């Protein structure tokens, strides 16, 4: 999926205008799930990725804390948290500057097997496109 954004006016921050998602305070509550942007490689995020990644790509090594820190620095990592605060889904959004403008690419949408069928993947995708 590709997301296009218009070019910013002169002097404006291009990435901030590419998607409102880049606001560090971005969070949305819906259907008992909170979607939030990850800004640091906290232990619960690292653990969740280690638990969720094999559900998408069996046999892949889970990212280390240093790799998760790099991911949160260079891309947008969204997580879906259930009522109990446990991470039950994740989505990675990559923004790129192209000659034709900014483009975004959604990667690695993972919803825990136990939480599937509730629209969490759709919720994560909708939030990424905001």
N, C-alpha and C. Protein backbone atom coordinates (compact mmCIF):
# COMPACT_ATOMS: atom_id res chain seq x y z
N UNK A 1 0.84 -1.16 0.00
CA UNK A 1 0.00 0.00 0.00
C UNK A 1 0.89 1.23 0.00
N UNK A 2 0.59 2.19 -0.84
CA UNK A 2 1.35 3.42 -0.92
C UNK A 2 0.47 4.58 -0.51
N UNK A 3 1.02 5.45 0.31
CA UNK A 3 0.31 6.64 0.78
C UNK A 3 1.04 7.83 0.21
N UNK A 4 0.34 8.73 -0.42
CA UNK A 4 0.97 9.93 -0.97
C UNK A 4 0.53 11.14 -0.16
N UNK A 5 1.43 12.07 -0.05
CA UNK A 5 1.11 13.31 0.66
C UNK A 5 1.56 14.48 -0.20
N UNK A 6 0.87 15.59 -0.11
CA UNK A 6 1.24 16.76 -0.89
C UNK A 6 2.51 17.38 -0.33
N UNK A 7 3.18 18.15 -1.16
CA UNK A 7 4.40 18.82 -0.73
C UNK A 7 4.06 19.94 0.23
N UNK A 8 4.90 20.16 1.25
CA UNK A 8 4.63 21.22 2.22
C UNK A 8 4.96 22.59 1.63
N UNK A 9 4.37 23.62 2.23
CA UNK A 9 4.70 24.98 1.84
C UNK A 9 6.13 25.28 2.29
N UNK A 10 6.74 26.23 1.64
CA UNK A 10 8.12 26.60 1.98
C UNK A 10 8.22 26.94 3.46
N UNK A 11 9.23 26.36 4.13
CA UNK A 11 9.47 26.65 5.53
C UNK A 11 8.74 25.72 6.48
N UNK A 12 7.82 24.89 5.96
CA UNK A 12 7.11 23.96 6.83
C UNK A 12 7.89 22.66 6.96
N UNK A 13 7.67 21.96 8.04
CA UNK A 13 8.31 20.67 8.27
C UNK A 13 7.62 19.63 7.40
N UNK A 14 8.34 19.09 6.43
CA UNK A 14 7.76 18.17 5.46
C UNK A 14 7.22 16.92 6.12
N UNK A 15 7.97 16.30 7.02
CA UNK A 15 7.51 15.07 7.64
C UNK A 15 6.30 15.31 8.53
N UNK A 16 6.27 16.42 9.21
CA UNK A 16 5.13 16.71 10.09
C UNK A 16 3.86 16.87 9.28
N UNK A 17 3.97 17.34 8.04
CA UNK A 17 2.80 17.52 7.20
C UNK A 17 2.47 16.29 6.37
N UNK A 18 3.40 15.35 6.28
CA UNK A 18 3.16 14.17 5.46
C UNK A 18 1.98 13.37 6.00
N UNK A 19 1.94 13.15 7.28
CA UNK A 19 0.85 12.42 7.92
C UNK A 19 0.70 12.93 9.34
N UNK A 20 -0.49 13.23 9.79
CA UNK A 20 -0.67 13.65 11.19
C UNK A 20 -0.17 12.59 12.15
N UNK A 21 -0.03 11.37 11.68
CA UNK A 21 0.45 10.26 12.49
C UNK A 21 1.78 10.56 13.16
N UNK A 22 2.57 11.43 12.57
CA UNK A 22 3.90 11.68 13.10
C UNK A 22 3.88 12.48 14.39
N UNK A 23 2.73 12.94 14.79
CA UNK A 23 2.60 13.63 16.06
C UNK A 23 2.90 12.65 17.18
N UNK A 24 3.86 12.95 18.03
CA UNK A 24 4.27 12.03 19.10
C UNK A 24 3.16 11.74 20.10
N UNK A 25 2.15 12.57 20.13
CA UNK A 25 1.04 12.36 21.06
C UNK A 25 -0.06 11.51 20.42
N UNK A 26 0.21 11.00 19.21
CA UNK A 26 -0.80 10.23 18.48
C UNK A 26 -1.23 9.01 19.28
N UNK A 27 -2.50 8.93 19.56
CA UNK A 27 -3.07 7.73 20.19
C UNK A 27 -4.58 7.79 19.96
N UNK A 28 -5.18 6.62 19.80
CA UNK A 28 -6.62 6.58 19.57
C UNK A 28 -7.18 5.39 20.32
N UNK A 29 -8.33 5.60 20.94
CA UNK A 29 -9.01 4.52 21.65
C UNK A 29 -10.22 4.11 20.82
N UNK A 30 -10.41 2.83 20.65
CA UNK A 30 -11.57 2.35 19.93
C UNK A 30 -11.73 0.88 20.19
N UNK A 31 -12.97 0.44 20.32
CA UNK A 31 -13.28 -0.97 20.49
C UNK A 31 -12.46 -1.62 21.60
N UNK A 32 -12.17 -0.88 22.68
CA UNK A 32 -11.41 -1.45 23.78
C UNK A 32 -9.93 -1.60 23.50
N UNK A 33 -9.47 -1.05 22.39
CA UNK A 33 -8.06 -1.16 22.00
C UNK A 33 -7.50 0.25 21.85
N UNK A 34 -6.29 0.43 22.33
CA UNK A 34 -5.62 1.72 22.19
C UNK A 34 -4.51 1.54 21.14
N UNK A 35 -4.54 2.38 20.11
CA UNK A 35 -3.49 2.38 19.09
C UNK A 35 -2.54 3.52 19.44
N UNK A 36 -1.26 3.22 19.53
CA UNK A 36 -0.30 4.26 19.88
C UNK A 36 0.98 4.11 19.08
N UNK A 37 1.67 5.22 18.93
CA UNK A 37 2.96 5.22 18.25
C UNK A 37 4.04 4.94 19.28
N UNK A 38 4.93 4.03 18.95
CA UNK A 38 6.05 3.67 19.83
C UNK A 38 7.19 4.65 19.57
N UNK A 39 7.72 5.22 20.65
CA UNK A 39 8.83 6.17 20.49
C UNK A 39 10.11 5.69 21.15
N UNK A 40 10.05 4.55 21.83
CA UNK A 40 11.27 4.00 22.43
C UNK A 40 11.16 2.48 22.50
N UNK A 41 12.28 1.83 22.60
CA UNK A 41 12.34 0.37 22.64
C UNK A 41 12.17 -0.13 24.07
N UNK A 42 10.97 0.02 24.60
CA UNK A 42 10.71 -0.43 25.97
C UNK A 42 10.66 -1.96 26.00
N UNK A 43 10.92 -2.55 27.16
CA UNK A 43 10.92 -4.01 27.26
C UNK A 43 9.62 -4.65 26.79
N UNK A 44 8.47 -4.01 27.06
CA UNK A 44 7.21 -4.63 26.63
C UNK A 44 7.08 -4.64 25.10
N UNK A 45 7.62 -3.64 24.43
CA UNK A 45 7.58 -3.60 22.96
C UNK A 45 8.53 -4.66 22.40
N UNK A 46 9.72 -4.75 22.93
CA UNK A 46 10.69 -5.75 22.48
C UNK A 46 10.12 -7.16 22.68
N UNK A 47 9.54 -7.41 23.85
CA UNK A 47 8.93 -8.72 24.14
C UNK A 47 7.76 -9.01 23.21
N UNK A 48 6.93 -8.00 22.96
CA UNK A 48 5.78 -8.20 22.08
C UNK A 48 6.21 -8.54 20.66
N UNK A 49 7.23 -7.86 20.15
CA UNK A 49 7.71 -8.17 18.81
C UNK A 49 8.29 -9.58 18.76
N UNK A 50 8.96 -10.00 19.82
CA UNK A 50 9.50 -11.37 19.88
C UNK A 50 8.36 -12.39 19.87
N UNK A 51 7.24 -12.05 20.45
CA UNK A 51 6.08 -12.95 20.50
C UNK A 51 5.28 -12.91 19.21
N UNK A 52 5.14 -11.73 18.61
CA UNK A 52 4.30 -11.57 17.43
C UNK A 52 4.99 -11.91 16.11
N UNK A 53 6.26 -11.59 15.97
CA UNK A 53 6.95 -11.79 14.70
C UNK A 53 6.89 -13.23 14.18
N UNK A 54 7.03 -14.25 15.02
CA UNK A 54 6.92 -15.62 14.51
C UNK A 54 5.54 -15.94 13.92
N UNK A 55 4.52 -15.19 14.30
CA UNK A 55 3.19 -15.41 13.75
C UNK A 55 3.10 -14.89 12.31
N UNK A 56 3.99 -13.97 11.95
CA UNK A 56 4.06 -13.44 10.58
C UNK A 56 5.11 -14.18 9.77
N UNK A 57 6.28 -14.36 10.37
CA UNK A 57 7.43 -14.95 9.68
C UNK A 57 8.09 -16.00 10.56
N UNK A 58 7.55 -17.23 10.56
CA UNK A 58 8.16 -18.29 11.38
C UNK A 58 9.63 -18.48 11.02
N UNK A 59 10.44 -18.68 12.03
CA UNK A 59 11.87 -18.89 11.80
C UNK A 59 12.71 -17.63 11.80
N UNK A 60 12.07 -16.48 11.76
CA UNK A 60 12.81 -15.22 11.81
C UNK A 60 13.26 -14.95 13.23
N UNK A 61 14.46 -14.41 13.37
CA UNK A 61 14.92 -14.00 14.69
C UNK A 61 14.20 -12.72 15.10
N UNK A 62 13.83 -12.65 16.34
CA UNK A 62 13.19 -11.45 16.87
C UNK A 62 14.21 -10.31 16.90
N UNK A 63 13.76 -9.07 16.68
CA UNK A 63 14.69 -7.95 16.74
C UNK A 63 15.18 -7.74 18.18
N UNK A 64 16.42 -7.33 18.29
CA UNK A 64 17.00 -7.00 19.59
C UNK A 64 16.48 -5.64 20.03
N UNK A 65 16.74 -5.29 21.27
CA UNK A 65 16.34 -3.97 21.77
C UNK A 65 16.98 -2.86 20.94
N UNK A 66 18.24 -3.05 20.55
CA UNK A 66 18.92 -2.04 19.73
C UNK A 66 18.26 -1.92 18.36
N UNK A 67 17.83 -3.03 17.79
CA UNK A 67 17.15 -2.99 16.49
C UNK A 67 15.78 -2.34 16.61
N UNK A 68 15.07 -2.62 17.69
CA UNK A 68 13.77 -1.97 17.90
C UNK A 68 13.97 -0.47 18.07
N UNK A 69 15.01 -0.06 18.77
CA UNK A 69 15.31 1.38 18.92
C UNK A 69 15.55 2.01 17.55
N UNK A 70 16.26 1.32 16.69
CA UNK A 70 16.51 1.81 15.33
C UNK A 70 15.20 1.91 14.54
N UNK A 71 14.35 0.90 14.68
CA UNK A 71 13.06 0.90 13.99
C UNK A 71 12.23 2.11 14.44
N UNK A 72 12.19 2.37 15.74
CA UNK A 72 11.37 3.48 16.24
C UNK A 72 11.96 4.83 15.86
N UNK A 73 13.25 4.87 15.61
CA UNK A 73 13.90 6.12 15.21
C UNK A 73 13.69 6.39 13.72
N UNK A 74 13.73 5.33 12.89
CA UNK A 74 13.73 5.51 11.45
C UNK A 74 12.38 5.29 10.76
N UNK A 75 11.42 4.70 11.46
CA UNK A 75 10.10 4.45 10.89
C UNK A 75 9.05 4.77 11.94
N UNK A 76 7.82 4.54 11.59
CA UNK A 76 6.72 4.70 12.55
C UNK A 76 6.24 3.31 12.91
N UNK A 77 6.34 2.97 14.18
CA UNK A 77 5.88 1.68 14.69
C UNK A 77 4.64 1.93 15.53
N UNK A 78 3.51 1.37 15.10
CA UNK A 78 2.28 1.47 15.85
C UNK A 78 2.02 0.15 16.56
N UNK A 79 1.44 0.24 17.75
CA UNK A 79 1.03 -0.97 18.46
C UNK A 79 -0.42 -0.80 18.88
N UNK A 80 -1.10 -1.94 18.98
CA UNK A 80 -2.46 -1.99 19.49
C UNK A 80 -2.39 -2.65 20.85
N UNK A 81 -2.91 -1.97 21.86
CA UNK A 81 -2.92 -2.51 23.23
C UNK A 81 -4.35 -2.85 23.63
N UNK A 82 -4.52 -4.03 24.21
CA UNK A 82 -5.82 -4.42 24.73
C UNK A 82 -6.13 -3.69 26.01
N UNK A 83 -7.31 -3.95 26.56
CA UNK A 83 -7.74 -3.30 27.81
C UNK A 83 -6.74 -3.50 28.94
N UNK A 84 -6.04 -4.63 28.93
CA UNK A 84 -5.09 -4.93 30.00
C UNK A 84 -3.71 -4.32 29.74
N UNK A 85 -3.54 -3.60 28.61
CA UNK A 85 -2.26 -2.98 28.27
C UNK A 85 -1.33 -3.86 27.47
N UNK A 86 -1.71 -5.13 27.29
CA UNK A 86 -0.86 -6.04 26.52
C UNK A 86 -0.90 -5.66 25.05
N UNK A 87 0.25 -5.72 24.40
CA UNK A 87 0.34 -5.43 22.96
C UNK A 87 -0.20 -6.64 22.21
N UNK A 88 -1.25 -6.40 21.41
CA UNK A 88 -1.89 -7.49 20.67
C UNK A 88 -1.75 -7.33 19.16
N UNK A 89 -1.11 -6.25 18.72
CA UNK A 89 -0.90 -6.05 17.30
C UNK A 89 0.13 -4.97 17.05
N UNK A 90 0.67 -4.98 15.83
CA UNK A 90 1.68 -4.00 15.47
C UNK A 90 1.63 -3.73 13.96
N UNK A 91 2.12 -2.58 13.58
CA UNK A 91 2.21 -2.17 12.18
C UNK A 91 3.41 -1.24 12.05
N UNK A 92 4.14 -1.38 10.96
CA UNK A 92 5.28 -0.50 10.70
C UNK A 92 4.98 0.34 9.46
N UNK A 93 5.16 1.64 9.57
CA UNK A 93 4.95 2.57 8.47
C UNK A 93 6.29 3.21 8.12
N UNK A 94 6.66 3.09 6.85
CA UNK A 94 7.92 3.66 6.37
C UNK A 94 7.59 4.84 5.47
N UNK A 95 8.13 6.01 5.78
CA UNK A 95 7.94 7.20 4.94
C UNK A 95 9.20 7.46 4.15
N UNK A 96 9.01 7.82 2.87
CA UNK A 96 10.15 8.07 1.99
C UNK A 96 9.91 9.34 1.18
N UNK A 97 10.96 10.09 0.98
CA UNK A 97 10.87 11.25 0.09
C UNK A 97 11.25 10.78 -1.30
N UNK A 98 10.38 11.08 -2.25
CA UNK A 98 10.60 10.75 -3.65
C UNK A 98 10.56 12.05 -4.44
N UNK A 99 11.06 12.06 -5.66
CA UNK A 99 10.96 13.28 -6.47
C UNK A 99 9.52 13.77 -6.61
N UNK A 100 8.56 12.85 -6.58
CA UNK A 100 7.16 13.22 -6.74
C UNK A 100 6.46 13.57 -5.43
N UNK A 101 7.18 13.51 -4.32
CA UNK A 101 6.59 13.84 -3.03
C UNK A 101 6.86 12.75 -2.01
N UNK A 102 6.22 12.83 -0.88
CA UNK A 102 6.38 11.82 0.16
C UNK A 102 5.49 10.63 -0.13
N UNK A 103 6.01 9.46 0.17
CA UNK A 103 5.23 8.23 0.03
C UNK A 103 5.41 7.43 1.30
N UNK A 104 4.40 6.68 1.63
CA UNK A 104 4.45 5.81 2.79
C UNK A 104 4.16 4.40 2.39
N UNK A 105 4.75 3.48 3.12
CA UNK A 105 4.55 2.06 2.84
C UNK A 105 4.26 1.35 4.15
N UNK A 106 3.18 0.60 4.19
CA UNK A 106 2.81 -0.16 5.37
C UNK A 106 3.43 -1.54 5.28
N UNK A 107 4.10 -1.94 6.34
CA UNK A 107 4.79 -3.23 6.40
C UNK A 107 4.44 -3.94 7.71
N UNK A 108 4.65 -5.22 7.74
CA UNK A 108 4.60 -6.03 8.96
C UNK A 108 3.40 -5.74 9.85
N UNK A 109 2.22 -5.91 9.29
CA UNK A 109 1.00 -5.81 10.10
C UNK A 109 0.81 -7.18 10.75
N UNK A 110 0.86 -7.21 12.07
CA UNK A 110 0.74 -8.47 12.81
C UNK A 110 -0.30 -8.29 13.91
N UNK A 111 -1.26 -9.20 13.94
CA UNK A 111 -2.25 -9.24 15.02
C UNK A 111 -2.12 -10.62 15.67
N UNK A 112 -2.02 -10.61 16.99
CA UNK A 112 -1.90 -11.86 17.73
C UNK A 112 -3.03 -12.82 17.36
N UNK A 113 -2.70 -14.08 17.22
CA UNK A 113 -3.70 -15.10 16.86
C UNK A 113 -4.93 -15.03 17.74
N UNK A 114 -4.74 -14.80 19.03
CA UNK A 114 -5.85 -14.77 19.98
C UNK A 114 -6.75 -13.54 19.81
N UNK A 115 -6.27 -12.52 19.10
CA UNK A 115 -7.02 -11.27 18.95
C UNK A 115 -7.53 -11.07 17.53
N UNK A 116 -7.34 -12.05 16.66
CA UNK A 116 -7.76 -11.90 15.26
C UNK A 116 -9.28 -11.96 15.13
N UNK A 117 -9.75 -11.38 14.03
CA UNK A 117 -11.17 -11.38 13.75
C UNK A 117 -11.94 -10.26 14.41
N UNK A 118 -11.22 -9.32 15.02
CA UNK A 118 -11.85 -8.21 15.72
C UNK A 118 -11.62 -6.87 15.01
N UNK A 119 -10.99 -6.91 13.85
CA UNK A 119 -10.74 -5.69 13.09
C UNK A 119 -9.51 -4.91 13.52
N UNK A 120 -8.60 -5.54 14.28
CA UNK A 120 -7.43 -4.81 14.76
C UNK A 120 -6.47 -4.45 13.63
N UNK A 121 -6.29 -5.34 12.66
CA UNK A 121 -5.43 -5.02 11.52
C UNK A 121 -5.97 -3.84 10.75
N UNK A 122 -7.27 -3.81 10.58
CA UNK A 122 -7.92 -2.69 9.89
C UNK A 122 -7.75 -1.40 10.71
N UNK A 123 -7.91 -1.50 12.02
CA UNK A 123 -7.74 -0.33 12.88
C UNK A 123 -6.32 0.22 12.80
N UNK A 124 -5.33 -0.67 12.85
CA UNK A 124 -3.93 -0.25 12.74
C UNK A 124 -3.70 0.45 11.39
N UNK A 125 -4.23 -0.15 10.32
CA UNK A 125 -4.04 0.42 8.98
C UNK A 125 -4.71 1.78 8.86
N UNK A 126 -5.93 1.90 9.37
CA UNK A 126 -6.62 3.19 9.34
C UNK A 126 -5.84 4.26 10.09
N UNK A 127 -5.30 3.91 11.24
CA UNK A 127 -4.52 4.88 12.01
C UNK A 127 -3.25 5.27 11.27
N UNK A 128 -2.62 4.31 10.59
CA UNK A 128 -1.40 4.62 9.85
C UNK A 128 -1.68 5.59 8.70
N UNK A 129 -2.87 5.51 8.14
CA UNK A 129 -3.21 6.37 7.00
C UNK A 129 -3.71 7.74 7.41
N UNK A 130 -3.84 8.00 8.70
CA UNK A 130 -4.28 9.32 9.17
C UNK A 130 -3.17 10.34 9.07
